[in-house]
Amino acid sequence: MIVNLAAPAYRRLQPQEPQTFSQENDRARLTPAAMAAFRNLVRVWQLTGAEAAALLAVSPSTWDRMKKPEWKGELNQDQLTRVSALIGTVKGLRLLFADRLADEWPKLKNKGSLFDGETPVDTMIEGGIPRMLDVRRHVDALRGGL
């Protein structure tokens, strides 16, 4: 048996373009998993329907339809970005705190300058995507990830 020592035994990883959620096929592929994760987040964080709708930037009546597992719609680029930021926050919280505190933290009033005495959920609702990304970065920084 002849072994070619010049050829790597592993597949070289190619740089990938950043995920933008702008392509329809990406949105269609990612929506089911994103919605399953978001529904779970709503349950674990004990969000009201109004809070869930506001975080996803939909009306409460639209959220009532979307929260059902049989919903077959497609999230838009903005909504996928929101879910991505929220799931990143969940991941960071799970690495930082024990499960119970990780699940409760988003609804606890916070004295940090980012929150100004409000809860992280209220801060993210008020500030939209930019604030969601700020909260995610804040959690990552707390755990030493930045």
C-alpha atoms as a PDB file:
ATOM      1  CA  MET A   1       0.000   0.000   0.000  1.00  0.00           C
ATOM      2  CA  ILE A   2       1.371   3.396  -1.012  1.00  0.00           C
ATOM      3  CA  VAL A   3       0.533   6.383   1.178  1.00  0.00           C
ATOM      4  CA  ASN A   4       0.681   9.858  -0.286  1.00  0.00           C
ATOM      5  CA  LEU A   5       2.218  11.929   2.488  1.00  0.00           C
ATOM      6  CA  ALA A   6       1.749  15.158   0.557  1.00  0.00           C
ATOM      7  CA  ALA A   7      -2.055  14.895   0.556  1.00  0.00           C
ATOM      8  CA  PRO A   8      -3.723  15.791   3.841  1.00  0.00           C
ATOM      9  CA  ALA A   9      -5.905  13.078   5.335  1.00  0.00           C
ATOM     10  CA  TYR A  10      -8.543  15.656   6.211  1.00  0.00           C
ATOM     11  CA  ARG A  11     -10.703  17.906   4.098  1.00  0.00           C
ATOM     12  CA  ARG A  12      -9.513  21.487   4.201  1.00  0.00           C
ATOM     13  CA  LEU A  13     -12.164  23.854   5.451  1.00  0.00           C
ATOM     14  CA  GLN A  14     -12.970  26.649   3.090  1.00  0.00           C
ATOM     15  CA  PRO A  15     -13.830  30.103   4.416  1.00  0.00           C
ATOM     16  CA  GLN A  16     -17.551  30.656   4.355  1.00  0.00           C
ATOM     17  CA  GLU A  17     -19.506  33.783   3.734  1.00  0.00           C
ATOM     18  CA  PRO A  18     -21.145  35.159   6.885  1.00  0.00           C
ATOM     19  CA  GLN A  19     -24.741  34.038   7.392  1.00  0.00           C
ATOM     20  CA  THR A  20     -27.004  36.926   6.436  1.00  0.00           C
ATOM     21  CA  PHE A  21     -30.386  35.198   6.235  1.00  0.00           C
ATOM     22  CA  SER A  22     -30.954  37.127   2.999  1.00  0.00           C
ATOM     23  CA  GLN A  23     -31.397  34.106   0.730  1.00  0.00           C
ATOM     24  CA  GLU A  24     -34.879  32.619   0.559  1.00  0.00           C
ATOM     25  CA  ASN A  25     -33.572  29.047   0.559  1.00  0.00           C
ATOM     26  CA  ASP A  26     -31.596  29.762   3.770  1.00  0.00           C
ATOM     27  CA  ARG A  27     -34.646  31.270   5.446  1.00  0.00           C
ATOM     28  CA  ALA A  28     -36.826  28.318   4.438  1.00  0.00           C
ATOM     29  CA  ARG A  29     -34.212  25.853   5.717  1.00  0.00           C
ATOM     30  CA  LEU A  30     -33.568  27.664   9.013  1.00  0.00           C
ATOM     31  CA  THR A  31     -37.115  28.698   9.954  1.00  0.00           C
ATOM     32  CA  PRO A  32     -38.309  25.365  11.425  1.00  0.00           C
ATOM     33  CA  ALA A  33     -35.313  25.056  13.754  1.00  0.00           C
ATOM     34  CA  ALA A  34     -35.416  28.756  14.644  1.00  0.00           C
ATOM     35  CA  MET A  35     -39.096  28.570  15.519  1.00  0.00           C
ATOM     36  CA  ALA A  36     -38.647  25.419  17.601  1.00  0.00           C
ATOM     37  CA  ALA A  37     -35.826  27.116  19.511  1.00  0.00           C
ATOM     38  CA  PHE A  38     -37.804  30.337  19.952  1.00  0.00           C
ATOM     39  CA  ARG A  39     -40.890  28.478  21.207  1.00  0.00           C
ATOM     40  CA  ASN A  40     -38.684  26.707  23.740  1.00  0.00           C
ATOM     41  CA  LEU A  41     -37.108  30.006  24.792  1.00  0.00           C
ATOM     42  CA  VAL A  42     -40.593  31.501  25.323  1.00  0.00           C
ATOM     43  CA  ARG A  43     -41.500  28.562  27.544  1.00  0.00           C
ATOM     44  CA  VAL A  44     -38.252  28.521  29.545  1.00  0.00           C
ATOM     45  CA  TRP A  45     -38.112  32.297  30.035  1.00  0.00           C
ATOM     46  CA  GLN A  46     -41.846  32.263  30.867  1.00  0.00           C
ATOM     47  CA  LEU A  47     -42.572  35.067  28.418  1.00  0.00           C
ATOM     48  CA  THR A  48     -46.062  36.400  27.935  1.00  0.00           C
ATOM     49  CA  GLY A  49     -47.555  36.283  24.471  1.00  0.00           C
ATOM     50  CA  ALA A  50     -47.057  40.039  24.195  1.00  0.00           C
ATOM     51  CA  GLU A  51     -43.371  39.735  25.138  1.00  0.00           C
ATOM     52  CA  ALA A  52     -42.789  36.901  22.679  1.00  0.00           C
ATOM     53  CA  ALA A  53     -44.534  38.835  19.914  1.00  0.00           C
ATOM     54  CA  ALA A  54     -42.530  41.989  20.644  1.00  0.00           C
ATOM     55  CA  LEU A  55     -39.201  40.132  20.664  1.00  0.00           C
ATOM     56  CA  LEU A  56     -40.051  38.587  17.297  1.00  0.00           C
ATOM     57  CA  ALA A  57     -41.491  41.904  16.001  1.00  0.00           C
ATOM     58  CA  VAL A  58     -44.913  40.519  15.159  1.00  0.00           C
ATOM     59  CA  SER A  59     -48.393  41.332  16.391  1.00  0.00           C
ATOM     60  CA  PRO A  60     -49.816  39.288  19.271  1.00  0.00           C
ATOM     61  CA  SER A  61     -52.359  37.712  16.917  1.00  0.00           C
ATOM     62  CA  THR A  62     -49.595  36.699  14.502  1.00  0.00           C
ATOM     63  CA  TRP A  63     -47.626  35.218  17.403  1.00  0.00           C
ATOM     64  CA  ASP A  64     -50.718  33.211  18.398  1.00  0.00           C
ATOM     65  CA  ARG A  65     -50.595  31.564  14.958  1.00  0.00           C
ATOM     66  CA  MET A  66     -46.800  31.205  14.877  1.00  0.00           C
ATOM     67  CA  LYS A  67     -46.485  29.551  18.267  1.00  0.00           C
ATOM     68  CA  LYS A  68     -48.318  26.469  17.053  1.00  0.00           C
ATOM     69  CA  PRO A  69     -45.973  23.696  15.876  1.00  0.00           C
ATOM     70  CA  GLU A  70     -48.020  23.264  12.693  1.00  0.00           C
ATOM     71  CA  TRP A  71     -47.269  26.863  11.579  1.00  0.00           C
ATOM     72  CA  LYS A  72     -45.621  26.588   8.157  1.00  0.00           C
ATOM     73  CA  GLY A  73     -44.627  30.180   7.464  1.00  0.00           C
ATOM     74  CA  GLU A  74     -41.140  31.530   6.907  1.00  0.00           C
ATOM     75  CA  LEU A  75     -39.281  33.962   9.121  1.00  0.00           C
ATOM     76  CA  ASN A  76     -37.859  37.013   7.414  1.00  0.00           C
ATOM     77  CA  GLN A  77     -34.256  38.181   7.681  1.00  0.00           C
ATOM     78  CA  ASP A  78     -35.030  40.495  10.612  1.00  0.00           C
ATOM     79  CA  GLN A  79     -36.829  37.780  12.556  1.00  0.00           C
ATOM     80  CA  LEU A  80     -34.069  35.218  12.012  1.00  0.00           C
ATOM     81  CA  THR A  81     -31.534  37.772  13.230  1.00  0.00           C
ATOM     82  CA  ARG A  82     -33.634  38.335  16.357  1.00  0.00           C
ATOM     83  CA  VAL A  83     -33.911  34.609  17.068  1.00  0.00           C
ATOM     84  CA  SER A  84     -30.188  34.155  16.467  1.00  0.00           C
ATOM     85  CA  ALA A  85     -29.328  36.903  18.972  1.00  0.00           C
ATOM     86  CA  LEU A  86     -31.721  35.469  21.549  1.00  0.00           C
ATOM     87  CA  ILE A  87     -30.432  31.909  21.177  1.00  0.00           C
ATOM     88  CA  GLY A  88     -26.870  33.185  21.493  1.00  0.00           C
ATOM     89  CA  THR A  89     -27.903  34.876  24.724  1.00  0.00           C
ATOM     90  CA  VAL A  90     -29.442  31.640  25.995  1.00  0.00           C
ATOM     91  CA  LYS A  91     -26.246  29.749  25.182  1.00  0.00           C
ATOM     92  CA  GLY A  92     -24.122  32.323  27.002  1.00  0.00           C
ATOM     93  CA  LEU A  93     -26.393  32.303  30.034  1.00  0.00           C
ATOM     94  CA  ARG A  94     -26.236  28.492  30.209  1.00  0.00           C
ATOM     95  CA  LEU A  95     -22.447  28.663  30.195  1.00  0.00           C
ATOM     96  CA  LEU A  96     -22.392  31.421  32.799  1.00  0.00           C
ATOM     97  CA  PHE A  97     -25.029  30.380  35.325  1.00  0.00           C
ATOM     98  CA  ALA A  98     -26.712  27.292  36.697  1.00  0.00           C
ATOM     99  CA  ASP A  99     -29.863  26.361  34.752  1.00  0.00           C
ATOM    100  CA  ARG A 100     -32.328  28.029  37.129  1.00  0.00           C
ATOM    101  CA  LEU A 101     -30.564  31.409  37.189  1.00  0.00           C
ATOM    102  CA  ALA A 102     -29.871  31.186  33.456  1.00  0.00           C
ATOM    103  CA  ASP A 103     -33.602  30.753  32.864  1.00  0.00           C
ATOM    104  CA  GLU A 104     -34.659  33.495  35.307  1.00  0.00           C
ATOM    105  CA  TRP A 105     -32.004  36.130  34.484  1.00  0.00           C
ATOM    106  CA  PRO A 106     -33.770  37.565  31.399  1.00  0.00           C
ATOM    107  CA  LYS A 107     -36.779  38.578  33.537  1.00  0.00           C
ATOM    108  CA  LEU A 108     -34.822  39.928  36.538  1.00  0.00           C
ATOM    109  CA  LYS A 109     -34.354  43.670  36.945  1.00  0.00           C
ATOM    110  CA  ASN A 110     -30.732  44.558  36.297  1.00  0.00           C
ATOM    111  CA  LYS A 111     -28.773  47.550  37.632  1.00  0.00           C
ATOM    112  CA  GLY A 112     -26.139  47.402  34.896  1.00  0.00           C
ATOM    113  CA  SER A 113     -25.784  50.460  32.666  1.00  0.00           C
ATOM    114  CA  LEU A 114     -27.133  48.529  29.689  1.00  0.00           C
ATOM    115  CA  PHE A 115     -30.384  47.802  31.537  1.00  0.00           C
ATOM    116  CA  ASP A 116     -30.870  50.876  33.755  1.00  0.00           C
ATOM    117  CA  GLY A 117     -32.990  48.957  36.279  1.00  0.00           C
ATOM    118  CA  GLU A 118     -35.105  47.174  33.665  1.00  0.00           C
ATOM    119  CA  THR A 119     -35.159  43.495  32.810  1.00  0.00           C
ATOM    120  CA  PRO A 120     -33.081  42.242  29.895  1.00  0.00           C
ATOM    121  CA  VAL A 121     -36.317  41.172  28.156  1.00  0.00           C
ATOM    122  CA  ASP A 122     -37.797  44.674  28.461  1.00  0.00           C
ATOM    123  CA  THR A 123     -34.494  46.193  27.329  1.00  0.00           C
ATOM    124  CA  MET A 124     -34.440  43.971  24.235  1.00  0.00           C
ATOM    125  CA  ILE A 125     -38.079  44.692  23.423  1.00  0.00           C
ATOM    126  CA  GLU A 126     -37.487  48.428  23.691  1.00  0.00           C
ATOM    127  CA  GLY A 127     -34.208  48.447  21.766  1.00  0.00           C
ATOM    128  CA  GLY A 128     -34.879  45.867  19.054  1.00  0.00           C
ATOM    129  CA  ILE A 129     -32.064  44.078  17.243  1.00  0.00           C
ATOM    130  CA  PRO A 130     -29.286  46.484  18.294  1.00  0.00           C
ATOM    131  CA  ARG A 131     -30.142  46.016  21.965  1.00  0.00           C
ATOM    132  CA  MET A 132     -30.553  42.241  21.539  1.00  0.00           C
ATOM    133  CA  LEU A 133     -27.035  42.104  20.163  1.00  0.00           C
ATOM    134  CA  ASP A 134     -25.819  44.309  23.034  1.00  0.00           C
ATOM    135  CA  VAL A 135     -27.358  41.923  25.569  1.00  0.00           C
ATOM    136  CA  ARG A 136     -25.762  38.958  23.834  1.00  0.00           C
ATOM    137  CA  ARG A 137     -22.356  40.675  23.885  1.00  0.00           C
ATOM    138  CA  HIS A 138     -22.895  41.627  27.551  1.00  0.00           C
ATOM    139  CA  VAL A 139     -23.541  38.010  28.515  1.00  0.00           C
ATOM    140  CA  ASP A 140     -20.547  36.842  26.470  1.00  0.00           C
ATOM    141  CA  ALA A 141     -18.362  39.452  28.187  1.00  0.00           C
ATOM    142  CA  LEU A 142     -19.555  38.359  31.639  1.00  0.00           C
ATOM    143  CA  ARG A 143     -18.465  34.810  30.949  1.00  0.00           C
ATOM    144  CA  GLY A 144     -15.129  35.947  29.554  1.00  0.00           C
ATOM    145  CA  GLY A 145     -16.031  35.259  25.952  1.00  0.00           C
ATOM    146  CA  LEU A 146     -14.936  38.642  24.602  1.00  0.00           C
END
